[in-house]
Structures are given as structure tokens and as C-alpha cells.
Amino acid sequence: MLSLLADGMLPPNFWAGAVGSLIFGVLGIVLLVLGYWLFDLITPKIDVSGELTKGNTAVAIVIGALLLGIAYIAANVVH
């Protein structure tokens, strides 16, 4: 890998792809945080952070499924 950088043999669109991946990665993380925040907002009777701190496995599974669903949707939108 280091010899590729030293010889200048990177593909011509390498940096554009790297910057695009970085931008879409940050966008995906922002969408995940926004989705978690919206879920916390629309379920006021459940203290999600408090339940996770107590070790409530059921809430952890629901949040995990929520984040996986948001990640799946965001990946398809970005693609």
C-alpha cells in the first residue's frame, strides 16, 4: 500500500471516492442520531437512557432494532 502512494499509482478518482465515503458516513451517523432523538421524543413515557443505564435488555433490543432499521433505510437512500 505504501509503495502505491509513493509511486503515484492511485486511481484517478481515489480522493473523490474517499471524500464521498467520508461525507456519506457522517450523513449516516447524523441520521442515526436524529432517528434515536425522534424515537426518544415520540415515546415520552419511556426514559430510554434511564432504562438502558439500568440494564433493561428489552429496551436495548428495541433501540438496536430501531438503529438497524434506520441504518438500512439510510444506506438505501444514499446508494
C-alpha atoms as a PDB file:
ATOM      1  CA  MET A   1       0.000   0.000   0.000  1.00  0.00           C
ATOM      2  CA  LEU A   2       2.792   2.396   0.890  1.00  0.00           C
ATOM      3  CA  SER A   3       4.521   1.703  -2.412  1.00  0.00           C
ATOM      4  CA  LEU A   4       1.320   2.627  -4.253  1.00  0.00           C
ATOM      5  CA  LEU A   5       1.291   6.007  -2.532  1.00  0.00           C
ATOM      6  CA  ALA A   6       4.986   6.569  -3.192  1.00  0.00           C
ATOM      7  CA  ASP A   7       4.748   5.681  -6.897  1.00  0.00           C
ATOM      8  CA  GLY A   8       1.655   7.802  -7.513  1.00  0.00           C
ATOM      9  CA  MET A   9      -0.282   4.777  -8.769  1.00  0.00           C
ATOM     10  CA  LEU A  10      -3.566   5.660  -7.100  1.00  0.00           C
ATOM     11  CA  PRO A  11      -6.616   5.546  -9.330  1.00  0.00           C
ATOM     12  CA  PRO A  12      -7.589   8.973 -10.661  1.00  0.00           C
ATOM     13  CA  ASN A  13     -10.861   9.041  -8.693  1.00  0.00           C
ATOM     14  CA  PHE A  14      -9.385   7.821  -5.395  1.00  0.00           C
ATOM     15  CA  TRP A  15      -9.679  11.105  -3.477  1.00  0.00           C
ATOM     16  CA  ALA A  16     -13.173  11.829  -4.786  1.00  0.00           C
ATOM     17  CA  GLY A  17     -14.284   8.400  -3.580  1.00  0.00           C
ATOM     18  CA  ALA A  18     -12.603   8.847  -0.203  1.00  0.00           C
ATOM     19  CA  VAL A  19     -14.236  12.242   0.355  1.00  0.00           C
ATOM     20  CA  GLY A  20     -17.613  10.893  -0.792  1.00  0.00           C
ATOM     21  CA  SER A  21     -17.344   7.968   1.613  1.00  0.00           C
ATOM     22  CA  LEU A  22     -16.480  10.309   4.460  1.00  0.00           C
ATOM     23  CA  ILE A  23     -19.418  12.608   3.700  1.00  0.00           C
ATOM     24  CA  PHE A  24     -21.907   9.744   3.430  1.00  0.00           C
ATOM     25  CA  GLY A  25     -20.531   8.148   6.600  1.00  0.00           C
ATOM     26  CA  VAL A  26     -21.071  11.358   8.545  1.00  0.00           C
ATOM     27  CA  LEU A  27     -24.532  11.712   6.991  1.00  0.00           C
ATOM     28  CA  GLY A  28     -25.392   8.169   8.112  1.00  0.00           C
ATOM     29  CA  ILE A  29     -24.266   8.872  11.671  1.00  0.00           C
ATOM     30  CA  VAL A  30     -26.301  12.096  11.733  1.00  0.00           C
ATOM     31  CA  LEU A  31     -29.376  10.199  10.526  1.00  0.00           C
ATOM     32  CA  LEU A  32     -28.904   7.557  13.235  1.00  0.00           C
ATOM     33  CA  VAL A  33     -28.627  10.191  15.959  1.00  0.00           C
ATOM     34  CA  LEU A  34     -31.654  12.040  14.574  1.00  0.00           C
ATOM     35  CA  GLY A  35     -33.666   8.802  14.486  1.00  0.00           C
ATOM     36  CA  TYR A  36     -32.764   7.982  18.087  1.00  0.00           C
ATOM     37  CA  TRP A  37     -33.662  11.521  19.152  1.00  0.00           C
ATOM     38  CA  LEU A  38     -37.037  11.336  17.354  1.00  0.00           C
ATOM     39  CA  PHE A  39     -37.802   7.959  18.947  1.00  0.00           C
ATOM     40  CA  ASP A  40     -36.971   9.389  22.365  1.00  0.00           C
ATOM     41  CA  LEU A  41     -39.189  12.394  21.596  1.00  0.00           C
ATOM     42  CA  ILE A  42     -42.250  10.413  20.487  1.00  0.00           C
ATOM     43  CA  THR A  43     -42.087   7.985  23.428  1.00  0.00           C
ATOM     44  CA  PRO A  44     -42.222  10.329  26.438  1.00  0.00           C
ATOM     45  CA  LYS A  45     -43.444   7.627  28.837  1.00  0.00           C
ATOM     46  CA  ILE A  46     -40.249   5.631  28.366  1.00  0.00           C
ATOM     47  CA  ASP A  47     -36.996   7.014  29.753  1.00  0.00           C
ATOM     48  CA  VAL A  48     -34.803   5.279  27.201  1.00  0.00           C
ATOM     49  CA  SER A  49     -31.480   6.466  28.602  1.00  0.00           C
ATOM     50  CA  GLY A  50     -32.518   5.583  32.141  1.00  0.00           C
ATOM     51  CA  GLU A  51     -33.720   2.136  31.162  1.00  0.00           C
ATOM     52  CA  LEU A  52     -30.513   1.443  29.253  1.00  0.00           C
ATOM     53  CA  THR A  53     -28.486   2.562  32.271  1.00  0.00           C
ATOM     54  CA  LYS A  54     -30.450   0.121  34.459  1.00  0.00           C
ATOM     55  CA  GLY A  55     -29.602  -2.687  32.030  1.00  0.00           C
ATOM     56  CA  ASN A  56     -33.090  -3.215  30.574  1.00  0.00           C
ATOM     57  CA  THR A  57     -32.457  -5.751  27.815  1.00  0.00           C
ATOM     58  CA  ALA A  58     -35.856  -5.308  26.165  1.00  0.00           C
ATOM     59  CA  VAL A  59     -35.299  -1.585  25.635  1.00  0.00           C
ATOM     60  CA  ALA A  60     -31.790  -2.300  24.336  1.00  0.00           C
ATOM     61  CA  ILE A  61     -33.195  -4.741  21.760  1.00  0.00           C
ATOM     62  CA  VAL A  62     -35.830  -2.228  20.637  1.00  0.00           C
ATOM     63  CA  ILE A  63     -33.214   0.536  20.282  1.00  0.00           C
ATOM     64  CA  GLY A  64     -30.891  -1.832  18.429  1.00  0.00           C
ATOM     65  CA  ALA A  65     -33.667  -2.793  16.010  1.00  0.00           C
ATOM     66  CA  LEU A  66     -34.538   0.885  15.558  1.00  0.00           C
ATOM     67  CA  LEU A  67     -30.940   1.801  14.728  1.00  0.00           C
ATOM     68  CA  LEU A  68     -30.570  -1.138  12.337  1.00  0.00           C
ATOM     69  CA  GLY A  69     -33.774  -0.112  10.566  1.00  0.00           C
ATOM     70  CA  ILE A  70     -32.640   3.493  10.247  1.00  0.00           C
ATOM     71  CA  ALA A  71     -29.225   2.370   9.008  1.00  0.00           C
ATOM     72  CA  TYR A  72     -30.843   0.133   6.377  1.00  0.00           C
ATOM     73  CA  ILE A  73     -33.076   2.957   5.137  1.00  0.00           C
ATOM     74  CA  ALA A  74     -30.219   5.487   5.138  1.00  0.00           C
ATOM     75  CA  ALA A  75     -27.968   3.091   3.207  1.00  0.00           C
ATOM     76  CA  ASN A  76     -30.611   2.612   0.535  1.00  0.00           C
ATOM     77  CA  VAL A  77     -31.278   6.341   0.291  1.00  0.00           C
ATOM     78  CA  VAL A  78     -27.576   7.149  -0.053  1.00  0.00           C
ATOM     79  CA  HIS A  79     -26.982   4.348  -2.538  1.00  0.00           C
END
